[in-house]
């Protein structure tokens, strides 16, 4: 079975996400970045 998920992450690169999922024995077919928000300087 194939499933699609949308994640919203902070301070992570796609390679880091893929490695974390694979470490949890989750087979990753693809990771696609669909939107990138500008960082809010006041909240960092």
N, C-alpha and C. Protein backbone atom coordinates (compact mmCIF):
# COMPACT_ATOMS: atom_id res chain seq x y z
N UNK A 1 0.84 -1.17 0.00
CA UNK A 1 0.00 0.00 0.00
C UNK A 1 0.89 1.24 0.00
N UNK A 2 0.54 2.21 -0.83
CA UNK A 2 1.26 3.48 -0.86
C UNK A 2 0.37 4.57 -0.27
N UNK A 3 0.96 5.42 0.55
CA UNK A 3 0.24 6.54 1.17
C UNK A 3 1.00 7.82 0.93
N UNK A 4 0.27 8.92 0.88
CA UNK A 4 0.87 10.25 0.74
C UNK A 4 0.64 11.03 2.02
N UNK A 5 1.70 11.74 2.46
CA UNK A 5 1.62 12.55 3.67
C UNK A 5 2.20 13.92 3.38
N UNK A 6 1.73 14.92 4.11
CA UNK A 6 2.31 16.25 4.04
C UNK A 6 2.90 16.56 5.42
N UNK A 7 4.15 16.96 5.44
CA UNK A 7 4.82 17.32 6.69
C UNK A 7 5.16 18.80 6.67
N UNK A 8 5.12 19.42 7.82
CA UNK A 8 5.60 20.79 7.96
C UNK A 8 6.72 20.72 8.99
N UNK A 9 7.93 21.02 8.58
CA UNK A 9 9.08 20.86 9.47
C UNK A 9 9.84 22.16 9.64
N UNK A 10 10.59 22.24 10.71
CA UNK A 10 11.49 23.35 10.96
C UNK A 10 12.89 22.77 11.11
N UNK A 11 13.87 23.44 10.56
CA UNK A 11 15.27 23.05 10.71
C UNK A 11 15.56 21.63 10.24
N UNK A 12 15.00 21.23 9.12
CA UNK A 12 15.27 19.90 8.59
C UNK A 12 15.43 19.98 7.07
N UNK A 13 16.35 19.19 6.56
CA UNK A 13 16.54 19.06 5.12
C UNK A 13 15.89 17.75 4.67
N UNK A 14 15.58 17.66 3.39
CA UNK A 14 14.92 16.46 2.89
C UNK A 14 15.74 15.21 3.16
N UNK A 15 17.05 15.30 3.07
CA UNK A 15 17.89 14.12 3.32
C UNK A 15 17.78 13.68 4.78
N UNK A 16 17.65 14.64 5.71
CA UNK A 16 17.49 14.31 7.13
C UNK A 16 16.15 13.62 7.37
N UNK A 17 15.10 14.09 6.70
CA UNK A 17 13.77 13.48 6.84
C UNK A 17 13.80 12.06 6.30
N UNK A 18 14.43 11.88 5.15
CA UNK A 18 14.51 10.55 4.54
C UNK A 18 15.27 9.59 5.44
N UNK A 19 16.39 10.02 5.99
CA UNK A 19 17.19 9.16 6.87
C UNK A 19 16.42 8.78 8.13
N UNK A 20 15.67 9.72 8.69
CA UNK A 20 14.90 9.44 9.90
C UNK A 20 13.79 8.43 9.62
N UNK A 21 13.11 8.58 8.50
CA UNK A 21 12.05 7.64 8.15
C UNK A 21 12.63 6.26 7.86
N UNK A 22 13.73 6.19 7.15
CA UNK A 22 14.36 4.90 6.87
C UNK A 22 14.86 4.24 8.14
N UNK A 23 15.33 5.02 9.10
CA UNK A 23 15.79 4.47 10.38
C UNK A 23 14.62 3.85 11.15
N UNK A 24 13.40 4.31 10.86
CA UNK A 24 12.20 3.75 11.48
C UNK A 24 11.59 2.66 10.61
N UNK A 25 12.38 2.14 9.67
CA UNK A 25 11.96 1.08 8.74
C UNK A 25 10.76 1.48 7.89
N UNK A 26 10.73 2.76 7.50
CA UNK A 26 9.69 3.27 6.60
C UNK A 26 10.32 3.49 5.24
N UNK A 27 9.82 2.77 4.24
CA UNK A 27 10.36 2.88 2.89
C UNK A 27 9.88 4.19 2.26
N UNK A 28 10.83 5.01 1.81
CA UNK A 28 10.52 6.32 1.24
C UNK A 28 10.60 6.22 -0.28
N UNK A 29 9.48 6.47 -0.94
CA UNK A 29 9.45 6.46 -2.41
C UNK A 29 9.93 7.79 -2.96
N UNK A 30 9.51 8.90 -2.36
CA UNK A 30 9.95 10.22 -2.81
C UNK A 30 9.63 11.26 -1.75
N UNK A 31 10.38 12.35 -1.78
CA UNK A 31 10.12 13.52 -0.94
C UNK A 31 10.14 14.72 -1.87
N UNK A 32 9.06 15.50 -1.83
CA UNK A 32 8.93 16.65 -2.71
C UNK A 32 8.65 17.88 -1.86
N UNK A 33 9.46 18.92 -2.03
CA UNK A 33 9.21 20.18 -1.34
C UNK A 33 8.19 20.97 -2.15
N UNK A 34 7.07 21.30 -1.54
CA UNK A 34 6.01 21.99 -2.27
C UNK A 34 5.90 23.47 -1.91
N UNK A 35 6.41 23.86 -0.76
CA UNK A 35 6.31 25.26 -0.35
C UNK A 35 7.37 25.55 0.70
N UNK A 36 7.95 26.72 0.62
CA UNK A 36 8.94 27.14 1.62
C UNK A 36 8.52 28.52 2.12
N UNK A 37 8.35 28.65 3.43
CA UNK A 37 7.97 29.92 4.04
C UNK A 37 9.22 30.67 4.45
N UNK A 38 9.15 31.99 4.35
CA UNK A 38 10.26 32.80 4.84
C UNK A 38 10.27 32.74 6.36
N UNK A 39 11.47 32.70 6.92
CA UNK A 39 11.63 32.63 8.36
C UNK A 39 11.27 33.96 8.98
N UNK A 40 10.45 33.94 10.03
CA UNK A 40 10.06 35.14 10.75
C UNK A 40 11.18 35.48 11.74
N UNK A 41 11.86 36.58 11.51
CA UNK A 41 13.02 36.97 12.32
C UNK A 41 12.62 37.24 13.77
N UNK A 42 11.38 37.72 14.02
CA UNK A 42 10.95 38.06 15.37
C UNK A 42 10.73 36.82 16.23
N UNK A 43 10.39 35.67 15.63
CA UNK A 43 10.10 34.47 16.40
C UNK A 43 11.29 33.53 16.51
N UNK A 44 12.46 33.91 16.02
CA UNK A 44 13.60 32.99 16.09
C UNK A 44 14.55 33.33 17.20
